[in-house]
């Protein structure tokens, strides 16, 4: 779809003089819901001009209309990418999770998990990095998962793809370390998002437990005994975009209450 302009100033946006990211241009993938949407809101409130990239046009339109971003582009990162606008900040939050026992995880499942969680991330980074290098600065933030740092049962393909995403972040961070571009990963634990709701649905179908019990079983992974909030992940993403985070590069930052 064509880029969707913001219908007008967002009433919650900080005045320009108080905006730490004024004049910064940000691209947020997976920005129509969950962590991506929370990151878009945080960047917009900090003064950045934000473009969303995602598959679901209706959700993107709603996010722009609500003031979370100034424009949006509907596209699937696992296919050919459209021309992307120049950006100083990339928050790659697009992702997908499917669960199945290892011996029931067929090639198609593996291909889906690698395509969206690893290869799609690489494609978006390749698209925006030349502009950052030409400008002499940039911030790339990939939303990985605690599954990039440890294993979980029944998500071998997802965990492998997220481990690969973290390897990509660490390798690229070293390549661009002398170019004033930083590349980092955020590794949230189980977070209150539509993706988590889908996982809860899978648990209830496979185990017969009700949704409340399934939700509680996921929250128990967090030593704080709760699920992470998208806004908490967004706050970490915002920090990595600020001048004070210029020396943070190649990091994998857990946001999981002490789980890892």
Protein backbone atom coordinates (compact mmCIF):
# COMPACT_ATOMS: atom_id res chain seq x y z
CA UNK A 1 0.00 0.00 0.00
CA UNK A 2 1.05 3.62 -0.34
CA UNK A 3 2.60 5.24 2.69
CA UNK A 4 -0.12 6.48 5.01
CA UNK A 5 0.43 10.02 6.32
CA UNK A 6 -0.35 10.93 9.89
CA UNK A 7 -3.69 12.82 9.98
CA UNK A 8 -2.36 15.51 12.30
CA UNK A 9 -0.20 16.24 15.36
CA UNK A 10 -0.50 13.72 18.12
CA UNK A 11 -1.67 15.43 21.33
CA UNK A 12 0.66 13.34 23.48
CA UNK A 13 3.80 14.19 21.56
CA UNK A 14 6.44 16.18 23.42
CA UNK A 15 7.31 19.71 22.27
CA UNK A 16 10.10 19.75 19.68
CA UNK A 17 12.63 21.40 22.02
CA UNK A 18 12.13 18.63 24.60
CA UNK A 19 12.27 15.77 22.09
CA UNK A 20 15.51 13.78 22.36
CA UNK A 21 15.00 12.19 18.94
CA UNK A 22 13.87 15.28 17.05
CA UNK A 23 14.82 15.10 13.36
CA UNK A 24 15.48 11.34 13.63
CA UNK A 25 13.75 9.02 11.19
CA UNK A 26 12.77 5.57 12.43
CA UNK A 27 11.51 2.44 10.72
CA UNK A 28 9.71 -0.11 12.89
CA UNK A 29 8.91 -3.53 11.44
CA UNK A 30 6.07 -5.48 12.97
CA UNK A 31 4.77 -2.11 14.09
CA UNK A 32 1.06 -2.79 13.91
CA UNK A 33 0.78 -4.53 17.29
CA UNK A 34 2.61 -5.79 20.34
CA UNK A 35 6.22 -4.81 20.95
CA UNK A 36 6.59 -3.11 17.57
CA UNK A 37 3.63 -0.83 18.20
CA UNK A 38 4.90 0.02 21.69
CA UNK A 39 8.32 0.88 20.24
CA UNK A 40 6.72 3.06 17.58
CA UNK A 41 4.78 4.98 20.21
CA UNK A 42 7.88 5.50 22.35
CA UNK A 43 9.93 6.76 19.41
CA UNK A 44 7.15 9.08 18.24
CA UNK A 45 6.75 10.52 21.73
CA UNK A 46 10.51 11.10 21.82
CA UNK A 47 10.26 13.20 18.67
CA UNK A 48 11.22 10.76 15.91
CA UNK A 49 9.38 10.56 12.62
CA UNK A 50 8.25 6.94 12.51
CA UNK A 51 7.33 4.69 9.59
CA UNK A 52 5.71 1.34 10.30
CA UNK A 53 6.28 -1.75 8.18
CA UNK A 54 3.99 -4.74 8.53
CA UNK A 55 1.71 -7.22 6.81
CA UNK A 56 -1.68 -6.21 8.21
CA UNK A 57 -2.83 -3.02 6.55
CA UNK A 58 -5.85 -2.40 8.79
CA UNK A 59 -3.75 -2.53 11.96
CA UNK A 60 -1.17 -0.21 10.43
CA UNK A 61 -3.87 2.29 9.52
CA UNK A 62 -5.20 2.18 13.08
CA UNK A 63 -1.74 2.75 14.53
CA UNK A 64 -1.12 5.77 12.28
CA UNK A 65 -4.57 7.19 13.03
CA UNK A 66 -3.87 6.83 16.77
CA UNK A 67 -0.65 8.82 16.45
CA UNK A 68 1.81 5.98 17.04
CA UNK A 69 3.56 6.76 13.73
CA UNK A 70 3.46 9.21 10.87
CA UNK A 71 3.15 6.72 8.01
CA UNK A 72 3.05 3.01 7.26
CA UNK A 73 3.95 0.58 4.50
CA UNK A 74 2.22 -2.77 4.08
CA UNK A 75 4.72 -5.45 3.10
CA UNK A 76 5.82 -8.95 4.08
CA UNK A 77 9.49 -9.09 5.06
CA UNK A 78 9.72 -12.67 3.82
CA UNK A 79 9.07 -11.52 0.24
CA UNK A 80 10.47 -8.79 -2.00
CA UNK A 81 10.73 -5.56 -0.03
CA UNK A 82 9.42 -2.29 -1.42
CA UNK A 83 11.65 0.76 -1.49
CA UNK A 84 12.07 1.75 2.14
CA UNK A 85 12.41 5.35 3.30
CA UNK A 86 15.80 6.47 4.63
CA UNK A 87 16.07 5.97 8.36
CA UNK A 88 18.46 6.71 11.19
CA UNK A 89 16.87 4.08 13.44
CA UNK A 90 15.65 0.58 12.65
CA UNK A 91 13.66 -1.35 15.22
CA UNK A 92 13.11 -4.80 13.79
CA UNK A 93 10.22 -6.24 15.81
CA UNK A 94 8.60 -8.43 13.16
CA UNK A 95 8.55 -12.07 14.11
CA UNK A 96 6.50 -15.23 14.41
CA UNK A 97 6.49 -18.25 16.68
CA UNK A 98 5.19 -21.76 16.07
CA UNK A 99 5.49 -24.63 18.49
CA UNK A 100 5.67 -28.37 17.88
CA UNK A 101 7.75 -31.28 19.19
CA UNK A 102 11.01 -31.53 17.31
CA UNK A 103 10.06 -34.73 15.48
CA UNK A 104 6.81 -33.09 14.34
CA UNK A 105 8.56 -29.93 13.08
CA UNK A 106 8.67 -30.44 9.33
CA UNK A 107 10.75 -28.59 6.75
CA UNK A 108 7.96 -26.13 6.06
CA UNK A 109 7.79 -25.08 9.72
CA UNK A 110 11.56 -24.65 9.83
CA UNK A 111 11.48 -22.58 6.67
CA UNK A 112 8.72 -20.32 8.05
CA UNK A 113 10.59 -19.69 11.29
CA UNK A 114 13.88 -18.95 9.55
CA UNK A 115 12.24 -16.78 6.89
CA UNK A 116 10.51 -14.39 9.24
CA UNK A 117 12.79 -14.43 12.30
CA UNK A 118 16.21 -14.47 10.62
CA UNK A 119 16.25 -14.02 6.85
CA UNK A 120 13.63 -11.27 6.92
CA UNK A 121 15.64 -9.41 9.53
CA UNK A 122 18.75 -9.66 7.38
CA UNK A 123 16.85 -8.38 4.34
CA UNK A 124 15.58 -5.29 6.15
CA UNK A 125 19.02 -4.57 7.62
CA UNK A 126 20.60 -4.85 4.16
CA UNK A 127 18.03 -2.39 2.85
CA UNK A 128 18.60 0.34 5.44
CA UNK A 129 22.28 -0.04 6.35
CA UNK A 130 23.76 1.67 3.25
CA UNK A 131 21.89 4.86 4.09
CA UNK A 132 23.10 4.79 7.67
CA UNK A 133 26.70 4.27 6.59
CA UNK A 134 26.42 7.13 4.10
CA UNK A 135 24.98 9.39 6.80
CA UNK A 136 27.72 8.40 9.25
CA UNK A 137 25.42 7.22 12.02
CA UNK A 138 22.59 4.84 12.78
CA UNK A 139 20.97 2.54 15.30
CA UNK A 140 19.75 -0.98 14.52
CA UNK A 141 17.78 -2.79 17.20
CA UNK A 142 16.52 -6.33 16.69
CA UNK A 143 13.84 -7.69 18.97
CA UNK A 144 15.05 -11.23 19.58
CA UNK A 145 13.85 -13.24 22.60
CA UNK A 146 15.10 -15.09 25.62
CA UNK A 147 14.91 -17.96 23.11
CA UNK A 148 18.01 -16.39 21.55
CA UNK A 149 19.86 -17.02 24.82
CA UNK A 150 18.51 -20.39 25.97
CA UNK A 151 16.35 -23.29 24.83
CA UNK A 152 12.68 -24.01 25.42
CA UNK A 153 10.75 -27.20 24.82
CA UNK A 154 8.75 -27.58 21.61
CA UNK A 155 10.12 -24.49 19.83
CA UNK A 156 13.36 -25.80 18.35
CA UNK A 157 12.89 -24.03 15.01
CA UNK A 158 11.92 -20.74 16.63
CA UNK A 159 14.80 -20.89 19.12
CA UNK A 160 17.28 -21.77 16.38
CA UNK A 161 16.09 -18.83 14.27
CA UNK A 162 16.34 -16.43 17.21
CA UNK A 163 19.82 -17.73 18.05
CA UNK A 164 20.69 -17.01 14.44
CA UNK A 165 19.27 -13.49 14.74
CA UNK A 166 21.50 -12.84 17.73
CA UNK A 167 24.51 -14.14 15.80
CA UNK A 168 23.63 -11.75 12.97
CA UNK A 169 23.44 -8.84 15.42
CA UNK A 170 26.80 -9.64 16.98
CA UNK A 171 28.57 -10.12 13.65
CA UNK A 172 27.13 -6.98 12.06
CA UNK A 173 27.89 -4.95 15.18
CA UNK A 174 31.58 -5.72 14.71
CA UNK A 175 31.49 -4.85 11.01
CA UNK A 176 30.08 -1.38 11.62
CA UNK A 177 31.66 -0.63 15.00
CA UNK A 178 33.95 2.03 13.55
CA UNK A 179 31.22 3.71 11.51
CA UNK A 180 29.05 5.22 14.29
CA UNK A 181 26.35 2.64 13.68
CA UNK A 182 25.36 0.36 16.54
CA UNK A 183 23.57 -2.97 16.33
CA UNK A 184 21.96 -4.51 19.39
CA UNK A 185 19.37 -7.10 20.36
CA UNK A 186 16.62 -6.97 22.93
CA UNK A 187 15.72 -10.34 24.42
CA UNK A 188 12.32 -10.16 26.10
CA UNK A 189 10.80 -13.06 27.96
CA UNK A 190 7.15 -13.98 27.58
CA UNK A 191 5.43 -10.68 26.81
CA UNK A 192 1.79 -9.60 26.72
CA UNK A 193 1.30 -9.52 22.94
CA UNK A 194 -0.98 -11.07 20.30
CA UNK A 195 1.87 -13.52 19.63
CA UNK A 196 1.63 -14.71 23.23
CA UNK A 197 -2.13 -15.06 22.89
CA UNK A 198 -1.56 -17.38 19.94
CA UNK A 199 0.89 -19.43 22.00
CA UNK A 200 -1.68 -19.70 24.80
CA UNK A 201 -4.21 -20.95 22.27
CA UNK A 202 -1.78 -23.65 21.16
CA UNK A 203 -1.18 -24.73 24.77
CA UNK A 204 -4.88 -24.98 25.52
CA UNK A 205 -5.50 -27.08 22.40
CA UNK A 206 -2.61 -29.44 23.08
CA UNK A 207 -2.99 -29.82 26.85
CA UNK A 208 -6.64 -29.15 27.62
CA UNK A 209 -5.72 -26.54 30.21
CA UNK A 210 -7.74 -23.36 30.26
CA UNK A 211 -6.28 -20.04 29.10
CA UNK A 212 -5.66 -18.76 32.64
CA UNK A 213 -3.64 -21.84 33.55
CA UNK A 214 -1.69 -21.64 30.30
CA UNK A 215 -0.92 -17.96 30.90
CA UNK A 216 0.23 -18.71 34.45
CA UNK A 217 2.54 -21.47 33.21
CA UNK A 218 4.30 -18.96 30.94
CA UNK A 219 4.49 -16.28 33.63
CA UNK A 220 6.29 -18.74 35.91
CA UNK A 221 9.36 -18.60 33.64
CA UNK A 222 9.87 -15.02 34.89
CA UNK A 223 11.33 -14.90 38.44
CA UNK A 224 9.14 -11.84 39.01
CA UNK A 225 6.16 -14.10 38.46
CA UNK A 226 4.56 -12.04 35.70
CA UNK A 227 4.57 -11.40 31.98
CA UNK A 228 6.67 -8.61 30.49
CA UNK A 229 4.80 -5.56 29.19
CA UNK A 230 5.48 -4.30 25.65
CA UNK A 231 6.15 -0.82 27.05
CA UNK A 232 9.07 -2.22 29.07
CA UNK A 233 10.69 -3.53 25.91
CA UNK A 234 10.01 -0.21 24.17
CA UNK A 235 11.74 1.68 26.98
CA UNK A 236 14.90 -0.37 26.40
CA UNK A 237 14.69 0.24 22.66
CA UNK A 238 14.36 3.97 23.26
CA UNK A 239 17.44 3.97 25.50
CA UNK A 240 19.51 2.35 22.74
CA UNK A 241 18.52 5.19 20.39
CA UNK A 242 19.72 7.96 22.70
CA UNK A 243 23.17 9.60 22.50
CA UNK A 244 24.12 8.13 25.86
CA UNK A 245 23.92 4.59 24.45
CA UNK A 246 26.52 5.18 21.73
CA UNK A 247 28.97 2.72 23.33
CA UNK A 248 26.41 -0.09 23.59
CA UNK A 249 27.09 -2.29 20.56
CA UNK A 250 26.64 -6.00 19.91
CA UNK A 251 24.70 -6.41 23.15
CA UNK A 252 21.92 -8.88 23.94
CA UNK A 253 19.81 -7.22 26.62
CA UNK A 254 17.43 -9.55 28.51
CA UNK A 255 14.10 -8.04 29.55
CA UNK A 256 12.81 -11.00 31.47
CA UNK A 257 12.73 -10.30 35.19
CA UNK A 258 15.97 -12.21 35.79
CA UNK A 259 15.11 -15.36 33.82
CA UNK A 260 18.45 -15.24 31.96
